[in-house]
Amino acid sequence: MPLENDADPRMPYQLPFPKEALEEIVIPDAVPEDDRLWVPQAENVWFRPLCLNRSQGYWMNLLKVRKSGVLSRHRHPQAVHGMVLKGRWHYLEHDWEATPGAYVYEPPGETHTLVVPEGVEEMITYFQVNGVMCYVDPWGKVLGYEDVFTKIDLCRKHFTEVGLGEDYVDRFIR
């Protein structure tokens, strides 16, 4: 592609960014060794917030599980994307298994039961969850839910308790 005015291709963009534009989120230690950055969600289950988008209602996080068995049965009214970084897992409702390097797309309306099989010491998966996640019984009765706002609340509480301060979560909120 030809360059206008014979500009050097290594020259950065020269115009100002829109003043309403939000700052980027850059997390050099996305899979941290500092356990304080993992927010407890349940016994032997944590999440690491990466982006908590309150204006569009989605969140991106790493889910870390250090137990075998059923993690949860839940429904997504909007799409979910995932990529397995470590360990493996599957859904009772499907015949595939997600292993390291696997990408998973969960369509809107999907209801499934996440299971970490025996022998998996640790599972870490990157998820982008859009909208709400409804926890349900086997017949679809809603038992609880998570959304970006409940995630933000959990982070604020946890980061305060571990000494990072309640505003530590602000770096992930857009």
Protein backbone atom coordinates (compact mmCIF):
# COMPACT_ATOMS: atom_id res chain seq x y z
CA MET A 1 0.00 0.00 0.00
CA PRO A 2 1.53 3.35 -0.96
CA LEU A 3 2.31 5.84 1.76
CA GLU A 4 1.02 9.36 1.45
CA ASN A 5 3.61 12.12 1.43
CA ASP A 6 6.35 9.47 1.49
CA ALA A 7 5.88 9.21 5.29
CA ASP A 8 8.16 6.87 7.18
CA PRO A 9 6.10 3.70 7.94
CA ARG A 10 7.58 3.66 11.45
CA MET A 11 6.20 7.10 12.23
CA PRO A 12 3.41 6.89 14.83
CA TYR A 13 0.00 8.36 14.24
CA GLN A 14 0.33 12.13 14.40
CA LEU A 15 -3.20 13.34 15.24
CA PRO A 16 -4.68 13.47 18.75
CA PHE A 17 -6.84 10.58 19.92
CA PRO A 18 -10.46 11.41 20.71
CA LYS A 19 -10.58 12.92 24.19
CA GLU A 20 -13.51 10.62 25.05
CA ALA A 21 -11.46 7.50 24.24
CA LEU A 22 -10.62 5.31 27.22
CA GLU A 23 -7.08 4.25 28.06
CA GLU A 24 -5.82 0.87 27.01
CA ILE A 25 -5.55 -1.95 29.51
CA VAL A 26 -2.12 -3.57 29.47
CA ILE A 27 -1.51 -6.34 31.99
CA PRO A 28 2.06 -7.66 31.78
CA ASP A 29 1.40 -10.35 34.42
CA ALA A 30 -1.97 -11.63 33.16
CA VAL A 31 -1.24 -15.03 34.74
CA PRO A 32 0.18 -13.69 38.00
CA GLU A 33 2.27 -15.45 40.59
CA ASP A 34 0.96 -13.07 43.26
CA ASP A 35 -2.03 -14.97 44.70
CA ARG A 36 -3.61 -11.69 45.87
CA LEU A 37 -4.54 -10.96 42.24
CA TRP A 38 -6.75 -14.08 42.03
CA VAL A 39 -10.23 -13.29 43.36
CA PRO A 40 -11.92 -16.20 45.20
CA GLN A 41 -15.19 -17.25 43.63
CA ALA A 42 -15.84 -20.56 45.41
CA GLU A 43 -13.77 -23.15 47.25
CA ASN A 44 -10.72 -23.90 45.06
CA VAL A 45 -12.04 -21.57 42.32
CA TRP A 46 -10.63 -18.13 41.51
CA PHE A 47 -10.78 -15.58 38.73
CA ARG A 48 -8.24 -13.04 37.56
CA PRO A 49 -9.98 -9.93 36.17
CA LEU A 50 -8.58 -8.62 32.90
CA CYS A 51 -11.35 -6.30 31.66
CA LEU A 52 -14.63 -5.47 33.42
CA ASN A 53 -16.68 -3.52 30.89
CA ARG A 54 -19.58 -1.99 32.80
CA SER A 55 -20.81 0.11 29.86
CA GLN A 56 -21.26 -2.91 27.57
CA GLY A 57 -21.93 -5.55 30.22
CA TYR A 58 -19.15 -8.04 29.60
CA TRP A 59 -16.09 -9.27 31.43
CA MET A 60 -12.87 -11.01 30.49
CA ASN A 61 -11.02 -13.06 33.04
CA LEU A 62 -8.92 -16.09 33.70
CA LEU A 63 -10.72 -18.83 35.59
CA LYS A 64 -8.48 -21.00 37.80
CA VAL A 65 -9.79 -24.24 39.30
CA ARG A 66 -7.87 -26.54 41.64
CA LYS A 67 -10.42 -29.30 42.17
CA SER A 68 -12.01 -32.06 40.17
CA GLY A 69 -15.72 -32.48 39.72
CA VAL A 70 -18.70 -30.36 38.78
CA LEU A 71 -17.92 -26.66 38.91
CA SER A 72 -21.29 -25.22 37.92
CA ARG A 73 -24.36 -25.58 35.73
CA HIS A 74 -25.18 -22.31 34.02
CA ARG A 75 -26.85 -20.60 31.08
CA HIS A 76 -25.61 -17.79 28.89
CA PRO A 77 -28.15 -15.58 27.09
CA GLN A 78 -25.25 -14.10 25.08
CA ALA A 79 -22.14 -15.59 23.47
CA VAL A 80 -19.11 -16.67 25.50
CA HIS A 81 -15.57 -17.16 24.18
CA GLY A 82 -12.90 -19.21 25.91
CA MET A 83 -9.37 -20.47 25.44
CA VAL A 84 -7.80 -23.15 27.60
CA LEU A 85 -4.34 -22.25 28.92
CA LYS A 86 -3.79 -25.14 31.33
CA GLY A 87 -5.56 -28.34 32.33
CA ARG A 88 -8.75 -29.60 30.73
CA TRP A 89 -12.50 -29.55 31.19
CA HIS A 90 -15.74 -30.53 29.49
CA TYR A 91 -19.49 -30.08 29.64
CA LEU A 92 -21.79 -32.94 30.63
CA GLU A 93 -24.09 -31.94 27.77
CA HIS A 94 -21.44 -32.37 25.02
CA ASP A 95 -18.99 -35.05 23.90
CA TRP A 96 -15.89 -32.86 23.43
CA GLU A 97 -13.12 -31.98 25.90
CA ALA A 98 -11.38 -28.60 26.05
CA THR A 99 -7.60 -29.02 26.38
CA PRO A 100 -4.66 -26.55 26.36
CA GLY A 101 -4.74 -24.39 23.26
CA ALA A 102 -8.42 -25.11 22.54
CA TYR A 103 -10.77 -22.26 21.66
CA VAL A 104 -14.42 -22.66 22.69
CA TYR A 105 -17.37 -20.63 21.40
CA GLU A 106 -20.57 -20.96 23.42
CA PRO A 107 -23.62 -19.68 21.53
CA PRO A 108 -26.37 -17.57 23.12
CA GLY A 109 -28.91 -19.75 24.91
CA GLU A 110 -26.41 -22.48 25.76
CA THR A 111 -26.89 -24.22 29.11
CA HIS A 112 -24.15 -26.55 30.32
CA THR A 113 -22.50 -28.17 33.31
CA LEU A 114 -18.76 -27.52 33.58
CA VAL A 115 -16.70 -30.45 34.85
CA VAL A 116 -12.99 -30.63 35.61
CA PRO A 117 -12.05 -34.32 35.31
CA GLU A 118 -10.15 -36.37 37.86
CA GLY A 119 -6.38 -36.02 37.64
CA VAL A 120 -6.40 -32.33 36.67
CA GLU A 121 -4.48 -30.50 39.38
CA GLU A 122 -5.08 -27.04 37.96
CA MET A 123 -7.20 -25.67 35.12
CA ILE A 124 -6.83 -22.12 33.79
CA THR A 125 -9.08 -20.85 31.00
CA TYR A 126 -9.47 -17.37 29.54
CA PHE A 127 -13.16 -16.44 29.20
CA GLN A 128 -15.02 -13.50 27.73
CA VAL A 129 -18.54 -13.57 29.15
CA ASN A 130 -21.11 -11.24 27.59
CA GLY A 131 -24.09 -10.24 29.68
CA VAL A 132 -25.21 -12.39 32.57
CA MET A 133 -24.36 -15.93 33.63
CA CYS A 134 -27.37 -17.63 35.24
CA TYR A 135 -26.77 -20.58 37.54
CA VAL A 136 -29.57 -23.12 37.07
CA ASP A 137 -30.75 -26.50 38.30
CA PRO A 138 -31.08 -29.42 35.82
CA TRP A 139 -34.55 -28.19 34.82
CA GLY A 140 -33.54 -24.57 34.20
CA LYS A 141 -34.72 -22.97 37.43
CA VAL A 142 -32.48 -19.97 38.11
CA LEU A 143 -30.51 -20.34 41.36
CA GLY A 144 -28.31 -17.27 41.07
CA TYR A 145 -26.40 -15.12 38.62
CA GLU A 146 -23.20 -13.23 37.89
CA ASP A 147 -22.71 -10.13 35.80
CA VAL A 148 -20.00 -7.52 35.39
CA PHE A 149 -21.31 -5.64 38.45
CA THR A 150 -21.18 -8.66 40.79
CA LYS A 151 -17.65 -9.32 39.48
CA ILE A 152 -16.63 -5.73 40.25
CA ASP A 153 -18.11 -6.04 43.77
CA LEU A 154 -16.21 -9.30 44.41
CA CYS A 155 -12.97 -7.70 43.22
CA ARG A 156 -13.42 -4.58 45.38
CA LYS A 157 -14.07 -6.68 48.48
CA HIS A 158 -11.17 -9.06 47.82
CA PHE A 159 -8.60 -6.41 46.89
CA THR A 160 -9.49 -4.49 50.06
CA GLU A 161 -9.11 -7.63 52.21
CA VAL A 162 -5.67 -8.48 50.76
CA GLY A 163 -4.32 -4.94 51.20
CA LEU A 164 -4.36 -3.76 47.58
CA GLY A 165 -7.21 -1.32 48.23
CA GLU A 166 -10.76 -1.18 46.95
CA ASP A 167 -9.71 1.05 44.03
CA TYR A 168 -7.26 -1.59 42.70
CA VAL A 169 -10.13 -2.97 40.59
CA ASP A 170 -10.50 0.36 38.78
CA ARG A 171 -7.58 -0.50 36.47
CA PHE A 172 -9.75 -3.24 34.91
CA ILE A 173 -13.00 -1.28 34.59
CA ARG A 174 -14.03 0.32 31.33
